[in-house]
PDB file of N, CA and C in Angstrom:
ATOM      1  N   MET A   1       0.819  -1.202   0.074  1.00  0.00           N
ATOM      2  CA  MET A   1       0.753   0.048   0.084  1.00  0.00           C
ATOM      3  C   MET A   1       1.069   1.344   0.361  1.00  0.00           C
ATOM      4  N   ASN A   2       1.683   1.368   0.778  1.00  0.00           N
ATOM      5  CA  ASN A   2       2.661   2.523   0.601  1.00  0.00           C
ATOM      6  C   ASN A   2       3.696   2.384  -0.306  1.00  0.00           C
ATOM      7  N   ALA A   3       4.322   1.440  -1.343  1.00  0.00           N
ATOM      8  CA  ALA A   3       4.774   1.632  -2.905  1.00  0.00           C
ATOM      9  C   ALA A   3       3.887   2.309  -3.220  1.00  0.00           C
ATOM     10  N   LEU A   4       2.226   2.057  -3.188  1.00  0.00           N
ATOM     11  CA  LEU A   4       1.037   2.313  -4.120  1.00  0.00           C
ATOM     12  C   LEU A   4       1.019   4.235  -4.085  1.00  0.00           C
ATOM     13  N   ASP A   5       0.634   4.048  -2.929  1.00  0.00           N
ATOM     14  CA  ASP A   5       0.656   5.255  -1.841  1.00  0.00           C
ATOM     15  C   ASP A   5       2.021   6.552  -2.882  1.00  0.00           C
ATOM     16  N   THR A   6       2.992   5.632  -2.659  1.00  0.00           N
ATOM     17  CA  THR A   6       4.002   6.855  -2.935  1.00  0.00           C
ATOM     18  C   THR A   6       4.520   7.334  -4.684  1.00  0.00           C
ATOM     19  N   LYS A   7       4.023   5.954  -5.044  1.00  0.00           N
ATOM     20  CA  LYS A   7       3.336   5.971  -7.085  1.00  0.00           C
ATOM     21  C   LYS A   7       2.157   7.276  -7.445  1.00  0.00           C
ATOM     22  N   LEU A   8       1.476   7.043  -6.782  1.00  0.00           N
ATOM     23  CA  LEU A   8       0.317   7.745  -6.797  1.00  0.00           C
ATOM     24  C   LEU A   8       0.726   9.404  -6.786  1.00  0.00           C
ATOM     25  N   THR A   9       1.767   9.617  -5.322  1.00  0.00           N
ATOM     26  CA  THR A   9       2.400  10.766  -5.083  1.00  0.00           C
ATOM     27  C   THR A   9       2.849  11.288  -5.952  1.00  0.00           C
ATOM     28  N   ALA A  10       3.717  10.617  -6.329  1.00  0.00           N
ATOM     29  CA  ALA A  10       4.850  10.879  -7.850  1.00  0.00           C
ATOM     30  C   ALA A  10       4.442  11.272  -8.845  1.00  0.00           C
ATOM     31  N   LYS A  11       3.259  10.912  -9.383  1.00  0.00           N
ATOM     32  CA  LYS A  11       2.118  10.771 -10.427  1.00  0.00           C
ATOM     33  C   LYS A  11       1.503  12.070 -10.366  1.00  0.00           C
ATOM     34  N   MET A  12       1.014  12.200  -9.274  1.00  0.00           N
ATOM     35  CA  MET A  12       0.272  13.653  -8.566  1.00  0.00           C
ATOM     36  C   MET A  12       1.278  14.586  -8.860  1.00  0.00           C
ATOM     37  N   VAL A  13       2.215  14.717  -8.372  1.00  0.00           N
ATOM     38  CA  VAL A  13       2.996  15.812  -8.429  1.00  0.00           C
ATOM     39  C   VAL A  13       3.578  16.023  -9.533  1.00  0.00           C
ATOM     40  N   ASN A  14       4.002  14.904 -10.602  1.00  0.00           N
ATOM     41  CA  ASN A  14       4.371  15.090 -11.759  1.00  0.00           C
ATOM     42  C   ASN A  14       3.117  15.783 -12.383  1.00  0.00           C
ATOM     43  N   LEU A  15       1.477  15.277 -11.926  1.00  0.00           N
ATOM     44  CA  LEU A  15       1.148  16.028 -13.138  1.00  0.00           C
ATOM     45  C   LEU A  15       0.735  17.616 -12.766  1.00  0.00           C
ATOM     46  N   GLU A  16       0.414  17.376 -11.436  1.00  0.00           N
ATOM     47  CA  GLU A  16       0.699  19.231 -10.550  1.00  0.00           C
ATOM     48  C   GLU A  16       1.421  19.833 -11.120  1.00  0.00           C
ATOM     49  N   GLU A  17       3.244  19.437 -11.796  1.00  0.00           N
ATOM     50  CA  GLU A  17       3.562  20.111 -12.346  1.00  0.00           C
ATOM     51  C   GLU A  17       3.639  20.401 -13.650  1.00  0.00           C
ATOM     52  N   LYS A  18       3.501  19.317 -14.526  1.00  0.00           N
ATOM     53  CA  LYS A  18       2.723  19.361 -15.197  1.00  0.00           C
ATOM     54  C   LYS A  18       1.499  20.560 -15.994  1.00  0.00           C
ATOM     55  N   LEU A  19       0.552  20.845 -14.714  1.00  0.00           N
ATOM     56  CA  LEU A  19      -0.360  21.971 -14.718  1.00  0.00           C
ATOM     57  C   LEU A  19       0.115  23.210 -14.244  1.00  0.00           C
ATOM     58  N   VAL A  20       1.000  22.902 -13.831  1.00  0.00           N
ATOM     59  CA  VAL A  20       1.406  24.411 -13.588  1.00  0.00           C
ATOM     60  C   VAL A  20       2.502  24.939 -14.571  1.00  0.00           C
ATOM     61  N   GLY A  21       3.022  24.535 -15.425  1.00  0.00           N
ATOM     62  CA  GLY A  21       3.387  24.516 -16.276  1.00  0.00           C
ATOM     63  C   GLY A  21       2.820  24.871 -17.339  1.00  0.00           C
ATOM     64  N   GLN A  22       1.662  24.614 -17.653  1.00  0.00           N
ATOM     65  CA  GLN A  22       0.743  24.488 -19.075  1.00  0.00           C
ATOM     66  C   GLN A  22      -0.296  26.139 -18.084  1.00  0.00           C
ATOM     67  N   MET A  23      -0.526  26.281 -17.287  1.00  0.00           N
ATOM     68  CA  MET A  23      -1.008  27.252 -17.040  1.00  0.00           C
ATOM     69  C   MET A  23      -0.205  28.375 -16.659  1.00  0.00           C
ATOM     70  N   ASN A  24       1.350  28.497 -16.678  1.00  0.00           N
ATOM     71  CA  ASN A  24       2.440  29.721 -16.821  1.00  0.00           C
ATOM     72  C   ASN A  24       2.202  29.579 -18.200  1.00  0.00           C
ATOM     73  N   ALA A  25       2.590  28.597 -19.080  1.00  0.00           N
ATOM     74  CA  ALA A  25       2.606  28.918 -20.772  1.00  0.00           C
ATOM     75  C   ALA A  25       1.553  29.777 -20.935  1.00  0.00           C
ATOM     76  N   LEU A  26      -0.096  29.442 -20.476  1.00  0.00           N
ATOM     77  CA  LEU A  26      -0.994  29.497 -21.239  1.00  0.00           C
ATOM     78  C   LEU A  26      -1.054  30.964 -20.450  1.00  0.00           C
ATOM     79  N   ASP A  27      -0.854  31.626 -19.319  1.00  0.00           N
ATOM     80  CA  ASP A  27      -0.783  32.396 -18.692  1.00  0.00           C
ATOM     81  C   ASP A  27       0.081  33.937 -19.350  1.00  0.00           C
ATOM     82  N   ALA A  28       1.166  33.216 -20.023  1.00  0.00           N
ATOM     83  CA  ALA A  28       2.049  34.109 -20.569  1.00  0.00           C
ATOM     84  C   ALA A  28       1.432  34.547 -22.366  1.00  0.00           C
ATOM     85  N   LYS A  29       0.752  33.203 -22.492  1.00  0.00           N
ATOM     86  CA  LYS A  29       0.632  33.254 -24.508  1.00  0.00           C
ATOM     87  C   LYS A  29      -0.950  34.516 -23.822  1.00  0.00           C
ATOM     88  N   LEU A  30      -2.013  34.197 -22.948  1.00  0.00           N
ATOM     89  CA  LEU A  30      -2.872  35.504 -22.958  1.00  0.00           C
ATOM     90  C   LEU A  30      -2.680  37.475 -22.088  1.00  0.00           C
ATOM     91  N   THR A  31      -1.734  37.019 -21.538  1.00  0.00           N
ATOM     92  CA  THR A  31      -0.474  38.046 -21.417  1.00  0.00           C
ATOM     93  C   THR A  31      -0.278  39.013 -22.817  1.00  0.00           C
ATOM     94  N   THR A  32       0.626  37.965 -23.863  1.00  0.00           N
ATOM     95  CA  THR A  32       1.009  38.850 -25.166  1.00  0.00           C
ATOM     96  C   THR A  32       0.103  39.207 -25.306  1.00  0.00           C
ATOM     97  N   GLN A  33      -0.484  38.222 -25.651  1.00  0.00           N
ATOM     98  CA  GLN A  33      -2.076  38.817 -26.505  1.00  0.00           C
ATOM     99  C   GLN A  33      -3.328  39.350 -26.259  1.00  0.00           C
ATOM    100  N   MET A  34      -2.653  39.796 -24.826  1.00  0.00           N
ATOM    101  CA  MET A  34      -4.134  41.528 -24.491  1.00  0.00           C
ATOM    102  C   MET A  34      -2.950  42.665 -24.492  1.00  0.00           C
ATOM    103  N   ASN A  35      -2.101  42.284 -24.260  1.00  0.00           N
ATOM    104  CA  ASN A  35      -0.794  43.410 -24.227  1.00  0.00           C
ATOM    105  C   ASN A  35      -1.130  44.044 -26.016  1.00  0.00           C
ATOM    106  N   ASN A  36      -0.707  43.191 -27.178  1.00  0.00           N
ATOM    107  CA  ASN A  36      -1.021  43.402 -28.427  1.00  0.00           C
ATOM    108  C   ASN A  36      -2.128  43.662 -28.532  1.00  0.00           C
ATOM    109  N   LEU A  37      -3.165  43.166 -28.126  1.00  0.00           N
ATOM    110  CA  LEU A  37      -4.928  43.481 -28.426  1.00  0.00           C
ATOM    111  C   LEU A  37      -4.779  45.052 -27.762  1.00  0.00           C
ATOM    112  N   GLU A  38      -4.161  45.333 -26.740  1.00  0.00           N
ATOM    113  CA  GLU A  38      -4.198  46.588 -25.879  1.00  0.00           C
ATOM    114  C   GLU A  38      -3.517  47.425 -26.979  1.00  0.00           C
ATOM    115  N   GLU A  39      -2.613  47.223 -27.813  1.00  0.00           N
ATOM    116  CA  GLU A  39      -1.313  47.707 -28.162  1.00  0.00           C
ATOM    117  C   GLU A  39      -2.167  48.543 -29.981  1.00  0.00           C
ATOM    118  N   LYS A  40      -3.028  47.334 -30.595  1.00  0.00           N
ATOM    119  CA  LYS A  40      -3.888  47.612 -31.154  1.00  0.00           C
ATOM    120  C   LYS A  40      -5.190  48.716 -31.415  1.00  0.00           C
ATOM    121  N   ILE A  41      -5.642  48.435 -29.940  1.00  0.00           N
ATOM    122  CA  ILE A  41      -6.624  49.849 -29.823  1.00  0.00           C
ATOM    123  C   ILE A  41      -6.318  50.469 -29.330  1.00  0.00           C
ATOM    124  N   VAL A  42      -4.795  50.988 -28.845  1.00  0.00           N
ATOM    125  CA  VAL A  42      -4.525  52.080 -28.272  1.00  0.00           C
ATOM    126  C   VAL A  42      -3.871  52.802 -30.204  1.00  0.00           C
ATOM    127  N   ASN A  43      -3.435  52.519 -30.869  1.00  0.00           N
ATOM    128  CA  ASN A  43      -3.000  52.834 -31.609  1.00  0.00           C
ATOM    129  C   ASN A  43      -4.313  53.573 -32.797  1.00  0.00           C
ATOM    130  N   GLN A  44      -5.438  52.207 -32.357  1.00  0.00           N
ATOM    131  CA  GLN A  44      -6.784  52.858 -33.711  1.00  0.00           C
ATOM    132  C   GLN A  44      -7.405  53.990 -32.865  1.00  0.00           C
ATOM    133  N   MET A  45      -7.201  53.839 -31.566  1.00  0.00           N
ATOM    134  CA  MET A  45      -7.545  55.127 -31.000  1.00  0.00           C
ATOM    135  C   MET A  45      -6.827  56.651 -31.597  1.00  0.00           C
ATOM    136  N   ASN A  46      -5.840  56.337 -31.344  1.00  0.00           N
ATOM    137  CA  ASN A  46      -4.516  57.400 -32.128  1.00  0.00           C
ATOM    138  C   ASN A  46      -5.001  57.656 -32.892  1.00  0.00           C
ATOM    139  N   ASP A  47      -5.142  57.169 -34.384  1.00  0.00           N
ATOM    140  CA  ASP A  47      -5.339  57.257 -35.527  1.00  0.00           C
ATOM    141  C   ASP A  47      -6.933  57.752 -35.687  1.00  0.00           C
ATOM    142  N   PHE A  48      -7.895  57.548 -34.839  1.00  0.00           N
ATOM    143  CA  PHE A  48      -9.161  57.884 -35.332  1.00  0.00           C
ATOM    144  C   PHE A  48      -9.128  59.582 -33.724  1.00  0.00           C
ATOM    145  N   GLY A  49      -8.312  59.685 -33.583  1.00  0.00           N
ATOM    146  CA  GLY A  49      -8.379  61.142 -32.746  1.00  0.00           C
ATOM    147  C   GLY A  49      -7.681  61.688 -33.901  1.00  0.00           C
ATOM    148  N   LYS A  50      -6.631  61.456 -34.898  1.00  0.00           N
ATOM    149  CA  LYS A  50      -6.179  62.334 -35.264  1.00  0.00           C
ATOM    150  C   LYS A  50      -6.694  62.478 -36.531  1.00  0.00           C
ATOM    151  N   ASN A  51      -7.251  61.604 -37.068  1.00  0.00           N
ATOM    152  CA  ASN A  51      -8.463  62.082 -38.002  1.00  0.00           C
ATOM    153  C   ASN A  51      -9.378  62.777 -37.913  1.00  0.00           C
ATOM    154  N   MET A  52     -10.106  62.863 -36.601  1.00  0.00           N
ATOM    155  CA  MET A  52     -11.182  63.854 -36.248  1.00  0.00           C
ATOM    156  C   MET A  52     -10.740  64.948 -36.343  1.00  0.00           C
ATOM    157  N   GLN A  53      -9.317  65.399 -35.651  1.00  0.00           N
ATOM    158  CA  GLN A  53      -8.659  66.753 -35.546  1.00  0.00           C
ATOM    159  C   GLN A  53      -8.701  66.884 -36.966  1.00  0.00           C
ATOM    160  N   VAL A  54      -8.210  66.110 -37.567  1.00  0.00           N
ATOM    161  CA  VAL A  54      -7.920  66.681 -39.195  1.00  0.00           C
ATOM    162  C   VAL A  54      -9.003  67.525 -39.744  1.00  0.00           C
ATOM    163  N   GLN A  55     -10.346  66.614 -39.464  1.00  0.00           N
ATOM    164  CA  GLN A  55     -11.694  66.489 -39.772  1.00  0.00           C
ATOM    165  C   GLN A  55     -11.938  67.881 -39.503  1.00  0.00           C
ATOM    166  N   PHE A  56     -11.981  68.171 -37.638  1.00  0.00           N
ATOM    167  CA  PHE A  56     -12.108  69.622 -37.254  1.00  0.00           C
ATOM    168  C   PHE A  56     -11.696  70.379 -37.506  1.00  0.00           C
ATOM    169  N   ASP A  57     -10.109  70.525 -37.786  1.00  0.00           N
ATOM    170  CA  ASP A  57      -9.751  71.284 -38.712  1.00  0.00           C
ATOM    171  C   ASP A  57      -9.982  71.812 -40.138  1.00  0.00           C
ATOM    172  N   ALA A  58     -10.256  70.789 -40.615  1.00  0.00           N
ATOM    173  CA  ALA A  58     -11.038  71.261 -41.920  1.00  0.00           C
ATOM    174  C   ALA A  58     -12.591  72.507 -42.095  1.00  0.00           C
ATOM    175  N   LEU A  59     -12.805  71.678 -40.692  1.00  0.00           N
ATOM    176  CA  LEU A  59     -14.221  72.404 -40.719  1.00  0.00           C
ATOM    177  C   LEU A  59     -14.104  73.850 -39.946  1.00  0.00           C
ATOM    178  N   LYS A  60     -13.035  74.116 -39.243  1.00  0.00           N
ATOM    179  CA  LYS A  60     -12.917  75.393 -38.708  1.00  0.00           C
ATOM    180  C   LYS A  60     -12.866  76.389 -39.269  1.00  0.00           C
ATOM    181  N   GLU A  61     -11.581  75.547 -40.528  1.00  0.00           N
ATOM    182  CA  GLU A  61     -11.231  76.635 -41.685  1.00  0.00           C
ATOM    183  C   GLU A  61     -12.136  77.179 -42.224  1.00  0.00           C
ATOM    184  N   PHE A  62     -13.040  75.738 -43.160  1.00  0.00           N
ATOM    185  CA  PHE A  62     -14.204  75.520 -43.950  1.00  0.00           C
ATOM    186  C   PHE A  62     -14.880  77.198 -43.526  1.00  0.00           C
ATOM    187  N   PHE A  63     -16.202  77.041 -42.264  1.00  0.00           N
ATOM    188  CA  PHE A  63     -16.539  77.956 -41.524  1.00  0.00           C
ATOM    189  C   PHE A  63     -15.479  78.924 -41.332  1.00  0.00           C
ATOM    190  N   GLY A  64     -14.550  78.698 -41.054  1.00  0.00           N
ATOM    191  CA  GLY A  64     -14.119  80.117 -41.112  1.00  0.00           C
ATOM    192  C   GLY A  64     -14.027  80.950 -42.217  1.00  0.00           C
ATOM    193  N   LEU A  65     -13.375  80.512 -43.324  1.00  0.00           N
ATOM    194  CA  LEU A  65     -13.616  81.083 -44.433  1.00  0.00           C
ATOM    195  C   LEU A  65     -15.033  81.531 -45.141  1.00  0.00           C
ATOM    196  N   ARG A  66     -16.202  80.785 -44.625  1.00  0.00           N
ATOM    197  CA  ARG A  66     -17.239  80.971 -44.625  1.00  0.00           C
ATOM    198  C   ARG A  66     -17.704  82.459 -43.815  1.00  0.00           C
ATOM    199  N   PHE A  67     -17.383  82.507 -42.540  1.00  0.00           N
ATOM    200  CA  PHE A  67     -17.645  83.840 -41.855  1.00  0.00           C
ATOM    201  C   PHE A  67     -16.817  85.033 -41.807  1.00  0.00           C
ATOM    202  N   GLU A  68     -15.887  84.516 -42.800  1.00  0.00           N
ATOM    203  CA  GLU A  68     -14.686  85.884 -43.490  1.00  0.00           C
ATOM    204  C   GLU A  68     -15.657  86.370 -44.657  1.00  0.00           C
ATOM    205  N   HIS A  69     -15.909  85.518 -45.726  1.00  0.00           N
ATOM    206  CA  HIS A  69     -16.590  86.058 -46.712  1.00  0.00           C
ATOM    207  C   HIS A  69     -17.870  86.121 -46.471  1.00  0.00           C
ATOM    208  N   LEU A  70     -18.795  86.108 -45.381  1.00  0.00           N
ATOM    209  CA  LEU A  70     -20.241  86.846 -44.878  1.00  0.00           C
ATOM    210  C   LEU A  70     -19.773  88.047 -44.144  1.00  0.00           C
ATOM    211  N   ALA A  71     -18.256  88.043 -43.386  1.00  0.00           N
ATOM    212  CA  ALA A  71     -18.729  89.003 -43.028  1.00  0.00           C
ATOM    213  C   ALA A  71     -17.792  90.410 -44.409  1.00  0.00           C
ATOM    214  N   LEU A  72     -17.466  90.328 -45.102  1.00  0.00           N
ATOM    215  CA  LEU A  72     -17.075  90.830 -46.160  1.00  0.00           C
ATOM    216  C   LEU A  72     -17.938  91.366 -46.847  1.00  0.00           C
ATOM    217  N   GLU A  73     -19.438  90.502 -46.829  1.00  0.00           N
ATOM    218  CA  GLU A  73     -20.280  91.010 -47.765  1.00  0.00           C
ATOM    219  C   GLU A  73     -21.554  91.413 -47.041  1.00  0.00           C
ATOM    220  N   ILE A  74     -21.491  91.803 -45.781  1.00  0.00           N
ATOM    221  CA  ILE A  74     -22.312  92.489 -44.545  1.00  0.00           C
ATOM    222  C   ILE A  74     -21.379  93.841 -44.970  1.00  0.00           C
ATOM    223  N   THR A  75     -20.184  93.630 -44.756  1.00  0.00           N
ATOM    224  CA  THR A  75     -19.546  95.186 -45.184  1.00  0.00           C
ATOM    225  C   THR A  75     -19.696  95.741 -46.366  1.00  0.00           C
ATOM    226  N   ASN A  76     -19.436  95.024 -47.649  1.00  0.00           N
ATOM    227  CA  ASN A  76     -20.208  95.815 -48.878  1.00  0.00           C
ATOM    228  C   ASN A  76     -21.409  96.097 -48.594  1.00  0.00           C
ATOM    229  N   LEU A  77     -22.488  95.200 -47.602  1.00  0.00           N
ATOM    230  CA  LEU A  77     -23.988  95.703 -47.850  1.00  0.00           C
ATOM    231  C   LEU A  77     -23.968  97.179 -46.821  1.00  0.00           C
ATOM    232  N   LYS A  78     -23.068  97.193 -45.781  1.00  0.00           N
ATOM    233  CA  LYS A  78     -23.452  98.403 -45.071  1.00  0.00           C
ATOM    234  C   LYS A  78     -22.494  99.726 -45.931  1.00  0.00           C
ATOM    235  N   ASN A  79     -21.371  98.965 -46.456  1.00  0.00           N
ATOM    236  CA  ASN A  79     -21.262 100.308 -46.994  1.00  0.00           C
ATOM    237  C   ASN A  79     -22.034 100.909 -48.780  1.00  0.00           C
ATOM    238  N   ARG A  80     -22.858  99.983 -49.201  1.00  0.00           N
ATOM    239  CA  ARG A  80     -24.203  99.884 -50.424  1.00  0.00           C
ATOM    240  C   ARG A  80     -25.229 101.202 -49.467  1.00  0.00           C
ATOM    241  N   ALA A  81     -25.539 100.779 -48.353  1.00  0.00           N
ATOM    242  CA  ALA A  81     -26.501 101.721 -47.880  1.00  0.00           C
ATOM    243  C   ALA A  81     -25.675 103.020 -47.167  1.00  0.00           C
ATOM    244  N   ASP A  82     -25.042 103.480 -46.856  1.00  0.00           N
ATOM    245  CA  ASP A  82     -24.228 104.308 -46.671  1.00  0.00           C
ATOM    246  C   ASP A  82     -24.451 104.959 -47.782  1.00  0.00           C
ATOM    247  N   ASN A  83     -23.577 104.348 -48.831  1.00  0.00           N
ATOM    248  CA  ASN A  83     -23.952 105.085 -50.214  1.00  0.00           C
ATOM    249  C   ASN A  83     -25.481 105.593 -50.358  1.00  0.00           C
ATOM    250  N   VAL A  84     -26.381 104.321 -50.439  1.00  0.00           N
ATOM    251  CA  VAL A  84     -27.754 105.298 -50.437  1.00  0.00           C
ATOM    252  C   VAL A  84     -28.274 106.051 -49.492  1.00  0.00           C
ATOM    253  N   ASP A  85     -27.794 105.961 -48.323  1.00  0.00           N
ATOM    254  CA  ASP A  85     -28.155 107.549 -47.014  1.00  0.00           C
ATOM    255  C   ASP A  85     -27.353 108.412 -48.287  1.00  0.00           C
ATOM    256  N   ALA A  86     -26.310 108.381 -48.518  1.00  0.00           N
ATOM    257  CA  ALA A  86     -25.712 109.631 -48.838  1.00  0.00           C
ATOM    258  C   ALA A  86     -26.154 110.163 -50.148  1.00  0.00           C
ATOM    259  N   LYS A  87     -26.529 109.196 -50.660  1.00  0.00           N
ATOM    260  CA  LYS A  87     -27.589 109.543 -52.190  1.00  0.00           C
ATOM    261  C   LYS A  87     -29.285 110.350 -52.129  1.00  0.00           C
ATOM    262  N   ILE A  88     -29.744 109.656 -50.969  1.00  0.00           N
ATOM    263  CA  ILE A  88     -30.659 110.206 -50.096  1.00  0.00           C
ATOM    264  C   ILE A  88     -30.770 111.603 -49.192  1.00  0.00           C
ATOM    265  N   ALA A  89     -29.404 111.773 -48.998  1.00  0.00           N
ATOM    266  CA  ALA A  89     -29.009 113.053 -48.564  1.00  0.00           C
ATOM    267  C   ALA A  89     -28.640 114.127 -49.388  1.00  0.00           C
ATOM    268  N   GLN A  90     -28.064 114.011 -50.693  1.00  0.00           N
ATOM    269  CA  GLN A  90     -27.875 114.984 -51.487  1.00  0.00           C
ATOM    270  C   GLN A  90     -29.213 115.371 -52.054  1.00  0.00           C
ATOM    271  N   LEU A  91     -29.922 114.456 -52.281  1.00  0.00           N
ATOM    272  CA  LEU A  91     -31.388 114.135 -53.166  1.00  0.00           C
ATOM    273  C   LEU A  91     -32.150 114.867 -52.373  1.00  0.00           C
ATOM    274  N   GLN A  92     -31.827 115.049 -50.890  1.00  0.00           N
ATOM    275  CA  GLN A  92     -32.654 115.924 -49.952  1.00  0.00           C
ATOM    276  C   GLN A  92     -32.115 117.722 -50.047  1.00  0.00           C
ATOM    277  N   ARG A  93     -30.810 117.646 -50.365  1.00  0.00           N
ATOM    278  CA  ARG A  93     -30.385 119.191 -49.967  1.00  0.00           C
ATOM    279  C   ARG A  93     -30.570 119.427 -51.228  1.00  0.00           C
ATOM    280  N   SER A  94     -30.994 118.561 -52.483  1.00  0.00           N
ATOM    281  CA  SER A  94     -31.074 119.647 -53.596  1.00  0.00           C
ATOM    282  C   SER A  94     -32.655 119.844 -53.962  1.00  0.00           C
ATOM    283  N   GLY A  95     -33.359 119.358 -52.990  1.00  0.00           N
ATOM    284  CA  GLY A  95     -34.913 119.635 -53.100  1.00  0.00           C
ATOM    285  C   GLY A  95     -35.469 118.356 -54.445  1.00  0.00           C
ATOM    286  N   ARG A  96     -34.721 117.799 -54.934  1.00  0.00           N
ATOM    287  CA  ARG A  96     -35.267 116.743 -55.553  1.00  0.00           C
ATOM    288  C   ARG A  96     -35.666 115.018 -55.365  1.00  0.00           C
ATOM    289  N   LEU A  97     -35.362 115.179 -53.659  1.00  0.00           N
ATOM    290  CA  LEU A  97     -35.902 114.199 -52.962  1.00  0.00           C
ATOM    291  C   LEU A  97     -37.643 113.982 -53.353  1.00  0.00           C
ATOM    292  N   ASN A  98     -38.335 114.536 -53.367  1.00  0.00           N
ATOM    293  CA  ASN A  98     -39.933 114.823 -53.318  1.00  0.00           C
ATOM    294  C   ASN A  98     -40.056 114.410 -54.764  1.00  0.00           C
ATOM    295  N   ARG A  99     -39.147 114.788 -55.928  1.00  0.00           N
ATOM    296  CA  ARG A  99     -39.840 114.883 -57.158  1.00  0.00           C
ATOM    297  C   ARG A  99     -39.602 112.809 -57.383  1.00  0.00           C
ATOM    298  N   VAL A 100     -38.399 112.451 -56.809  1.00  0.00           N
ATOM    299  CA  VAL A 100     -38.049 111.375 -57.350  1.00  0.00           C
ATOM    300  C   VAL A 100     -38.860 110.359 -56.643  1.00  0.00           C
ATOM    301  N   LEU A 101     -39.155 110.679 -55.527  1.00  0.00           N
ATOM    302  CA  LEU A 101     -40.523 109.785 -54.419  1.00  0.00           C
ATOM    303  C   LEU A 101     -42.335 109.954 -55.601  1.00  0.00           C
ATOM    304  N   LEU A 102     -42.286 110.927 -55.834  1.00  0.00           N
ATOM    305  CA  LEU A 102     -43.546 110.946 -56.750  1.00  0.00           C
ATOM    306  C   LEU A 102     -43.441 110.525 -57.787  1.00  0.00           C
ATOM    307  N   LEU A 103     -42.395 110.265 -58.499  1.00  0.00           N
ATOM    308  CA  LEU A 103     -41.736 109.222 -59.808  1.00  0.00           C
ATOM    309  C   LEU A 103     -41.290 108.074 -59.383  1.00  0.00           C
ATOM    310  N   ILE A 104     -41.238 108.000 -58.706  1.00  0.00           N
ATOM    311  CA  ILE A 104     -41.148 106.346 -58.178  1.00  0.00           C
ATOM    312  C   ILE A 104     -42.397 106.116 -57.433  1.00  0.00           C
ATOM    313  N   THR A 105     -43.482 106.875 -57.240  1.00  0.00           N
ATOM    314  CA  THR A 105     -44.752 106.597 -56.770  1.00  0.00           C
ATOM    315  C   THR A 105     -45.688 106.663 -58.401  1.00  0.00           C
ATOM    316  N   ALA A 106     -45.571 107.125 -59.012  1.00  0.00           N
ATOM    317  CA  ALA A 106     -46.416 106.939 -60.372  1.00  0.00           C
ATOM    318  C   ALA A 106     -45.748 106.104 -61.037  1.00  0.00           C
ATOM    319  N   ILE A 107     -44.246 105.583 -60.802  1.00  0.00           N
ATOM    320  CA  ILE A 107     -44.000 104.345 -61.888  1.00  0.00           C
ATOM    321  C   ILE A 107     -44.026 102.707 -61.434  1.00  0.00           C
ATOM    322  N   SER A 108     -44.628 103.003 -59.864  1.00  0.00           N
ATOM    323  CA  SER A 108     -44.754 101.479 -59.050  1.00  0.00           C
ATOM    324  C   SER A 108     -45.512 100.570 -59.889  1.00  0.00           C
ATOM    325  N   PRO A 109     -46.860 101.374 -59.729  1.00  0.00           N
ATOM    326  CA  PRO A 109     -47.655 100.968 -60.450  1.00  0.00           C
ATOM    327  C   PRO A 109     -47.547  99.579 -61.931  1.00  0.00           C
ATOM    328  N   PHE A 110     -47.212 100.426 -62.947  1.00  0.00           N
ATOM    329  CA  PHE A 110     -46.313  99.825 -63.970  1.00  0.00           C
ATOM    330  C   PHE A 110     -45.576  98.519 -63.806  1.00  0.00           C
ATOM    331  N   VAL A 111     -44.373  99.135 -63.112  1.00  0.00           N
ATOM    332  CA  VAL A 111     -43.339  98.190 -63.143  1.00  0.00           C
ATOM    333  C   VAL A 111     -44.150  96.559 -62.463  1.00  0.00           C
ATOM    334  N   LEU A 112     -44.801  96.711 -61.306  1.00  0.00           N
ATOM    335  CA  LEU A 112     -44.888  95.917 -60.371  1.00  0.00           C
ATOM    336  C   LEU A 112     -46.251  94.657 -61.767  1.00  0.00           C
ATOM    337  N   ALA A 113     -47.180  95.627 -62.833  1.00  0.00           N
ATOM    338  CA  ALA A 113     -47.674  94.950 -63.609  1.00  0.00           C
ATOM    339  C   ALA A 113     -47.219  94.316 -64.564  1.00  0.00           C
ATOM    340  N   LEU A 114     -45.900  94.349 -64.956  1.00  0.00           N
ATOM    341  CA  LEU A 114     -44.665  94.266 -65.822  1.00  0.00           C
ATOM    342  C   LEU A 114     -44.537  93.338 -65.137  1.00  0.00           C
ATOM    343  N   VAL A 115     -43.747  92.945 -63.689  1.00  0.00           N
ATOM    344  CA  VAL A 115     -43.041  91.720 -62.942  1.00  0.00           C
ATOM    345  C   VAL A 115     -44.008  90.695 -62.774  1.00  0.00           C
ATOM    346  N   ASN A 116     -45.509  91.445 -62.562  1.00  0.00           N
ATOM    347  CA  ASN A 116     -46.512  89.887 -62.067  1.00  0.00           C
ATOM    348  C   ASN A 116     -47.215  89.105 -63.230  1.00  0.00           C
ATOM    349  N   ARG A 117     -46.516  90.082 -64.474  1.00  0.00           N
ATOM    350  CA  ARG A 117     -46.976  88.786 -65.987  1.00  0.00           C
ATOM    351  C   ARG A 117     -46.965  87.784 -65.912  1.00  0.00           C
TER     352      ARG A 117
END
C-alpha cells in the first residue's frame, strides 16, 4: 500500500508540475495577446483621434472662410447702404427727393404690372 501511495503521490506531483507549467504557458500567451490587443486598440484610438482632429481643422477652416466671406458681404452691404443714405441726403439737399419719390410712386404700379406678368 505504501508503494502504491508513493507511486500515486509521484504521479500527482508530476501532473501538478505539468498543469502548473501549462497554466504558466497559457498565462504568458494570454498576457502577450492582451498586450498586443491593447496596443492595437490604443493605436486605432490614436489614429481615430488624429482623423477627427484633421476633420475638425478642415471644418474650422471651412467655416472660418465662410464667416470671413459673410463679414465681407456684410461690410459691402453696409457700404452700399451708406451710399444710398448719402444719395438720399444729397437729393434732400437739392430738393429733388420729393420729385424722385413722386416719380417712383407714379411708376411703381406699371413696374408691378410688368413683374406680375
